[in-house]
Protein backbone atom coordinates (compact mmCIF):
# COMPACT_ATOMS: atom_id res chain seq x y z
CA MET A 1 36.38 -65.82 -173.54
CA ALA A 2 38.37 -68.93 -172.69
CA GLN A 3 39.64 -67.18 -169.53
CA ILE A 4 36.08 -66.38 -168.46
CA ASP A 5 35.02 -69.99 -169.03
CA LYS A 6 37.97 -71.16 -166.97
CA MET A 7 37.05 -68.82 -164.12
CA LEU A 8 33.42 -69.92 -164.22
CA SER A 9 34.46 -73.59 -164.23
CA HIS A 10 36.72 -73.00 -161.24
CA ALA A 11 33.96 -71.21 -159.33
CA PHE A 12 31.53 -74.00 -160.19
CA LEU A 13 33.90 -76.67 -158.83
CA GLN A 14 34.50 -74.62 -155.70
CA ASN A 15 30.73 -74.42 -155.09
CA ILE A 16 30.40 -78.16 -155.51
CA TYR A 17 33.26 -78.75 -153.08
CA ARG A 18 31.74 -76.40 -150.50
CA GLY A 19 28.34 -78.08 -150.88
CA ILE A 20 29.77 -81.56 -150.38
CA ALA A 21 31.83 -80.42 -147.38
CA THR A 22 28.81 -78.73 -145.80
CA ARG A 23 26.65 -81.81 -146.38
CA LEU A 24 29.25 -84.07 -144.73
CA VAL A 25 29.46 -81.81 -141.70
CA GLN A 26 25.67 -81.68 -141.41
CA GLU A 27 25.39 -85.49 -141.68
CA LYS A 28 27.95 -85.92 -138.91
CA SER A 29 25.95 -83.65 -136.62
CA THR A 30 22.47 -85.08 -137.32
CA GLY A 31 20.63 -88.36 -137.02
CA LEU A 32 22.21 -91.42 -135.43
CA ARG A 33 25.64 -89.98 -136.14
CA THR A 34 25.12 -87.81 -133.05
CA LEU A 35 25.25 -91.10 -131.10
CA SER A 36 28.57 -92.06 -132.78
CA LEU A 37 26.79 -94.55 -135.07
CA GLY A 38 28.39 -94.07 -138.46
CA TRP A 39 26.91 -94.92 -141.84
CA PHE A 40 28.64 -98.29 -142.06
CA GLN A 41 27.58 -99.35 -138.57
CA GLN A 42 23.98 -98.37 -139.28
CA LYS A 43 23.98 -100.44 -142.49
CA TYR A 44 25.55 -103.33 -140.63
CA LEU A 45 22.92 -103.25 -137.88
CA LYS A 46 20.08 -103.05 -140.42
CA HIS A 47 21.14 -106.37 -141.93
CA LEU A 48 21.92 -108.27 -138.72
CA PRO A 49 19.46 -111.05 -137.81
CA ALA A 50 17.55 -110.69 -134.56
CA GLY A 51 17.63 -113.10 -131.63
CA LYS A 52 21.27 -113.06 -130.49
CA THR A 53 22.33 -110.79 -127.64
CA ARG A 54 24.86 -108.22 -128.84
CA THR A 55 26.30 -104.96 -127.55
CA ILE A 56 27.12 -101.48 -128.82
CA LYS A 57 28.49 -98.40 -127.12
CA LEU A 58 26.01 -95.64 -126.23
CA HIS A 59 27.34 -92.52 -124.48
CA GLY A 60 30.43 -94.48 -123.45
CA LYS A 61 28.44 -97.31 -121.83
CA THR A 62 27.71 -100.84 -123.02
CA LEU A 63 24.18 -101.32 -124.32
CA PHE A 64 22.77 -104.84 -124.66
CA TYR A 65 20.24 -105.63 -127.40
CA ASN A 66 18.88 -108.53 -129.45
CA ALA A 67 16.83 -106.86 -132.22
CA PRO A 68 19.12 -104.64 -134.37
CA GLN A 69 16.46 -102.99 -136.54
CA GLU A 70 14.32 -102.20 -133.49
CA LEU A 71 17.41 -100.85 -131.73
CA LEU A 72 18.00 -98.39 -134.55
CA HIS A 73 14.34 -97.33 -134.49
CA GLY A 74 14.41 -96.83 -130.72
CA LEU A 75 17.65 -94.86 -130.75
CA GLN A 76 16.33 -92.61 -133.52
CA GLU A 77 12.95 -92.04 -131.85
CA ILE A 78 14.14 -91.58 -128.26
CA PHE A 79 17.63 -90.03 -128.47
CA VAL A 80 17.60 -88.25 -131.83
CA ASN A 81 13.95 -87.20 -132.23
CA GLN A 82 13.56 -87.00 -128.43
CA ILE A 83 9.95 -88.11 -128.48
CA TYR A 84 9.69 -87.88 -124.66
CA LYS A 85 11.30 -84.45 -124.36
CA GLN A 86 9.40 -82.35 -121.85
CA THR A 87 9.78 -80.36 -118.64
CA LEU A 88 9.50 -82.46 -115.50
CA PRO A 89 10.40 -81.74 -111.86
CA PRO A 90 13.89 -83.00 -110.89
CA ASN A 91 12.42 -85.73 -108.65
CA ALA A 92 9.66 -86.74 -111.09
CA LEU A 93 7.73 -89.98 -110.70
CA ILE A 94 7.59 -91.79 -114.05
CA LEU A 95 5.63 -94.94 -114.92
CA ASP A 96 7.16 -96.68 -117.93
CA CYS A 97 4.75 -99.34 -119.19
CA GLY A 98 6.46 -101.30 -121.91
CA ALA A 99 10.06 -100.50 -120.96
CA ASN A 100 11.48 -102.99 -123.50
CA ILE A 101 15.29 -103.12 -123.16
CA GLY A 102 15.51 -99.81 -121.30
CA LEU A 103 16.25 -97.13 -123.90
CA SER A 104 13.54 -94.90 -122.49
CA LEU A 105 14.84 -95.41 -118.95
CA ILE A 106 18.33 -94.39 -120.01
CA TRP A 107 16.96 -91.22 -121.63
CA PHE A 108 14.79 -90.39 -118.61
CA LYS A 109 17.69 -90.84 -116.22
CA GLN A 110 20.07 -88.78 -118.35
CA SER A 111 17.50 -85.98 -118.43
CA TYR A 112 16.27 -86.33 -114.83
CA PRO A 113 18.91 -88.21 -112.72
CA ALA A 114 16.86 -87.90 -109.52
CA ALA A 115 13.64 -89.21 -111.07
CA ARG A 116 11.94 -92.25 -109.56
CA ILE A 117 10.82 -94.73 -112.20
CA ILE A 118 8.46 -97.71 -112.01
CA ALA A 119 8.95 -99.87 -115.10
CA PHE A 120 6.98 -102.81 -116.51
CA GLU A 121 8.21 -105.30 -119.11
CA PRO A 122 6.59 -108.75 -119.48
CA ASP A 123 8.80 -110.24 -122.23
CA PRO A 124 11.41 -112.37 -120.38
CA ALA A 125 14.11 -111.80 -123.03
CA ASN A 126 13.53 -108.04 -123.00
CA PHE A 127 13.42 -107.97 -119.19
CA LEU A 128 16.81 -109.69 -118.99
CA LEU A 129 18.33 -107.05 -121.30
CA LEU A 130 16.50 -104.32 -119.36
CA GLN A 131 18.24 -105.42 -116.15
CA LYS A 132 21.60 -105.67 -117.91
CA ASN A 133 21.28 -102.16 -119.29
CA ILE A 134 20.20 -100.72 -115.93
CA ASP A 135 23.31 -102.22 -114.36
CA SER A 136 25.57 -101.20 -117.27
CA PHE A 137 24.41 -97.56 -117.12
CA ALA A 138 24.38 -97.58 -113.31
CA LEU A 139 20.76 -96.34 -113.20
CA ASP A 140 19.29 -96.07 -109.71
CA ASN A 141 15.93 -95.45 -108.08
CA ILE A 142 14.18 -97.73 -110.59
CA THR A 143 11.68 -100.47 -109.69
CA CYS A 144 11.24 -103.06 -112.44
CA HIS A 145 8.32 -105.44 -112.67
CA PRO A 146 8.58 -108.49 -114.96
CA ALA A 147 4.92 -108.04 -115.75
CA ALA A 148 2.42 -106.51 -118.14
CA VAL A 149 0.02 -103.76 -117.09
CA TRP A 150 -3.65 -104.73 -117.42
CA LYS A 151 -7.14 -104.05 -116.10
CA GLU A 152 -6.76 -106.53 -113.26
CA ASP A 153 -4.18 -108.65 -111.47
CA THR A 154 -4.11 -111.94 -113.33
CA ILE A 155 -2.13 -114.34 -115.51
CA LEU A 156 -2.55 -114.07 -119.30
CA SER A 157 -1.01 -115.59 -122.41
CA PHE A 158 1.69 -113.48 -123.99
CA SER A 159 3.22 -113.67 -127.44
CA ALA A 160 6.92 -113.24 -126.60
CA ALA A 161 8.51 -111.85 -129.76
CA LYS A 162 11.73 -110.81 -127.99
CA GLY A 163 11.32 -107.30 -129.34
CA MET A 164 8.90 -104.37 -129.54
CA ALA A 165 6.07 -106.48 -131.01
CA SER A 166 5.48 -108.74 -127.99
CA THR A 167 1.84 -108.56 -126.96
CA LEU A 168 -0.89 -110.04 -124.74
CA THR A 169 -2.94 -112.61 -126.59
CA THR A 170 -6.01 -114.74 -126.01
CA ALA A 171 -4.77 -117.53 -128.27
CA LYS A 172 -2.10 -119.91 -127.04
CA SER A 173 0.61 -120.97 -129.47
CA LYS A 174 4.05 -122.51 -129.42
CA ASP A 175 5.49 -119.02 -128.98
CA SER A 176 3.12 -117.88 -126.23
CA ILE A 177 3.89 -117.97 -122.53
CA ASP A 178 1.98 -117.13 -119.38
CA VAL A 179 2.91 -113.79 -117.81
CA ILE A 180 1.94 -111.88 -114.70
CA CYS A 181 -0.39 -108.93 -115.29
CA LEU A 182 -0.71 -106.09 -112.80
CA GLN A 183 -3.61 -103.68 -112.64
CA LEU A 184 -2.17 -100.29 -113.61
CA LYS A 185 -4.96 -98.47 -111.79
CA LYS A 186 -3.46 -99.49 -108.44
CA PHE A 187 -0.27 -97.55 -109.25
CA LEU A 188 -2.21 -94.34 -109.90
CA ASP A 189 -2.95 -93.69 -106.23
CA GLN A 190 -0.21 -91.03 -106.09
CA PRO A 191 0.79 -88.03 -108.26
CA ILE A 192 2.37 -89.29 -111.50
CA ASP A 193 4.43 -86.78 -113.44
CA PHE A 194 4.59 -88.87 -116.61
CA LEU A 195 2.84 -92.06 -117.67
CA LYS A 196 4.16 -93.84 -120.76
CA LEU A 197 1.95 -96.54 -122.31
CA ASP A 198 3.55 -98.54 -125.09
CA ILE A 199 1.83 -101.87 -124.50
CA GLU A 200 1.17 -103.20 -128.00
CA GLY A 201 -2.58 -103.24 -128.27
CA ALA A 202 -3.62 -103.42 -124.62
CA GLU A 203 -3.96 -99.67 -124.18
CA TRP A 204 -7.75 -99.51 -124.64
CA GLU A 205 -8.57 -102.02 -121.88
CA VAL A 206 -6.04 -100.48 -119.52
CA LEU A 207 -7.12 -96.86 -120.04
CA ILE A 208 -10.83 -97.59 -119.75
CA ASP A 209 -10.13 -99.31 -116.41
CA CYS A 210 -7.99 -96.33 -115.28
CA ALA A 211 -10.47 -93.68 -116.45
CA GLY A 212 -11.49 -92.60 -112.95
CA SER A 213 -7.89 -92.45 -111.71
CA LEU A 214 -6.21 -90.41 -114.45
CA GLY A 215 -6.58 -87.22 -112.40
CA THR A 216 -3.28 -88.09 -110.67
CA VAL A 217 -1.43 -88.12 -114.01
CA LYS A 218 0.07 -84.85 -115.25
CA LYS A 219 1.30 -86.02 -118.68
CA ILE A 220 0.66 -89.18 -120.63
CA PHE A 221 2.06 -90.78 -123.78
CA ILE A 222 0.12 -93.54 -125.53
CA GLU A 223 1.27 -95.52 -128.55
CA TYR A 224 -2.08 -96.62 -129.95
CA HIS A 225 -2.30 -99.86 -131.94
CA GLY A 226 -5.61 -100.58 -133.67
CA GLN A 227 -7.63 -101.86 -136.60
CA PHE A 228 -10.05 -100.00 -138.88
CA ASN A 229 -13.02 -102.02 -137.63
CA GLU A 230 -12.22 -101.13 -134.01
CA GLN A 231 -11.98 -97.39 -134.28
CA ASN A 232 -14.58 -97.00 -131.54
CA LYS A 233 -11.74 -97.94 -129.16
CA LEU A 234 -9.64 -95.02 -130.40
CA ILE A 235 -12.62 -92.70 -129.97
CA GLN A 236 -13.17 -93.97 -126.40
CA ILE A 237 -9.49 -93.44 -125.57
CA LEU A 238 -9.67 -89.83 -126.74
CA GLU A 239 -12.97 -89.30 -124.89
CA THR A 240 -11.38 -90.73 -121.74
CA LEU A 241 -8.44 -88.35 -122.00
CA ASN A 242 -10.76 -85.40 -122.66
CA ILE A 243 -12.98 -86.18 -119.67
CA ALA A 244 -9.87 -86.55 -117.49
CA GLY A 245 -8.88 -83.01 -118.44
CA PHE A 246 -6.13 -83.71 -120.95
CA GLN A 247 -5.45 -81.79 -124.11
CA PHE A 248 -3.82 -83.99 -126.70
CA TYR A 249 -1.67 -83.98 -129.80
CA ILE A 250 -1.72 -86.90 -132.24
CA ARG A 251 0.70 -87.96 -134.94
CA GLU A 252 1.40 -91.09 -136.93
CA ALA A 253 3.76 -93.53 -135.20
CA ALA A 254 4.37 -95.63 -138.29
CA PRO A 255 3.57 -94.87 -141.96
CA ILE A 256 1.65 -98.08 -142.52
CA TYR A 257 -0.34 -96.65 -145.46
CA PRO A 258 1.55 -93.97 -147.45
CA THR A 259 -1.64 -93.48 -149.48
CA PRO A 260 -4.51 -94.14 -147.04
CA PHE A 261 -7.24 -93.65 -149.65
CA TYR A 262 -5.52 -96.14 -151.98
CA ARG A 263 -4.60 -99.23 -150.00
CA ASN A 264 -3.70 -101.53 -152.85
CA LYS A 265 -1.43 -103.78 -150.80
CA ILE A 266 -2.16 -106.19 -148.02
CA CYS A 267 -1.08 -104.78 -144.67
CA LEU A 268 1.66 -107.01 -143.30
CA HIS A 269 1.82 -105.03 -140.06
CA PRO A 270 -0.22 -106.55 -137.19
CA TYR A 271 -2.02 -103.23 -136.78
CA GLN A 272 -3.68 -101.04 -139.41
CA ILE A 273 -3.40 -97.87 -137.33
CA GLN A 274 -0.45 -96.89 -135.17
CA LEU A 275 -0.52 -93.44 -133.54
CA ASN A 276 1.41 -91.52 -130.92
CA ILE A 277 -0.93 -89.67 -128.56
CA PHE A 278 0.58 -86.99 -126.29
CA GLY A 279 -1.68 -85.92 -123.41
CA PHE A 280 -0.95 -82.84 -121.31
CA ARG A 281 -2.79 -80.41 -119.09
CA ASP A 282 -3.29 -76.67 -119.53
CA GLN A 283 -0.53 -75.11 -117.41
C-alpha cells in the first residue's frame, strides 16, 4: 500500500511539473511576451509616470514613447490582438486619422511595406514622437499632417493630453492649444483601401460630413466615443455606414461598465460608451 501511495505521489508531482512547464512555455509565446516584453518589464512600465520621453526596443528598433500605460495598451491591441489585421492590396492607400505615436503605422508598414499612408496627428507631443518613430523604423511613403481631421478646414481648440486621450474641445483651458483642422472629406476623392478613425469624440461630425464620399472607402475602422444621452449620434453613424454600403461588426473597446444594468459607481472615464466599429463591404 505504501508503495502504491509513493507511486501515486510521484505521478502527481510529475503532472504538476509538466503543467507548470507547459504554462511557462505558453506564457512566453503569448501576449506581450511575443514582443520580447517580459513580466518584469511590463510591471515596470505599468508603474512608470507619463510625460517623459523614453524608449524601448520593438522588433529590434528603437521606439519612442511618453505614456507607458498607453504604450502597453497599444502594443497589446495592435501587435498582439492585431486589431487591424485584414487583406489589403500590396500598394494599399491607408488614411490613419489619429496616428498617435505611430504604432499603427509600424504595423501597417510591416504588413504592407509598399502601402502609401496619409497620417493625421494634432497633438504636438505625439506628433514629435510619431516623426521620431517613422525615422527610427525607416518607414517610407508616409505623409504626416500635424493636424486633426474635421468637417471643415479651420482652427480649433485642442486638449493636448500628450497621449491617446487628446481631443478637440470647445472650451479653452490652460492645457488647451489651437490646432489646424483639415476636412477629411477632401481626402476621399480617390480610392481608399482602409480608413482608420480614432479621433477621440470627433467621429460623428466627421462621418456625417463625409457621408456622401464614403463610396471611395473599401474598409473603415471607427473607435466610437460617446455618452448615453447622445446615442442618436451612434445611431446616425451606423445609418451612415449602412447607406454607404458597409456591413459592420461592433465590439466593446473598453469595459467601462462591467455590469451595465448596475452602474453603482461614477464613471471616471470621459466617455460612457467606447466601441470599435469595423466596416467592410460584401466581397
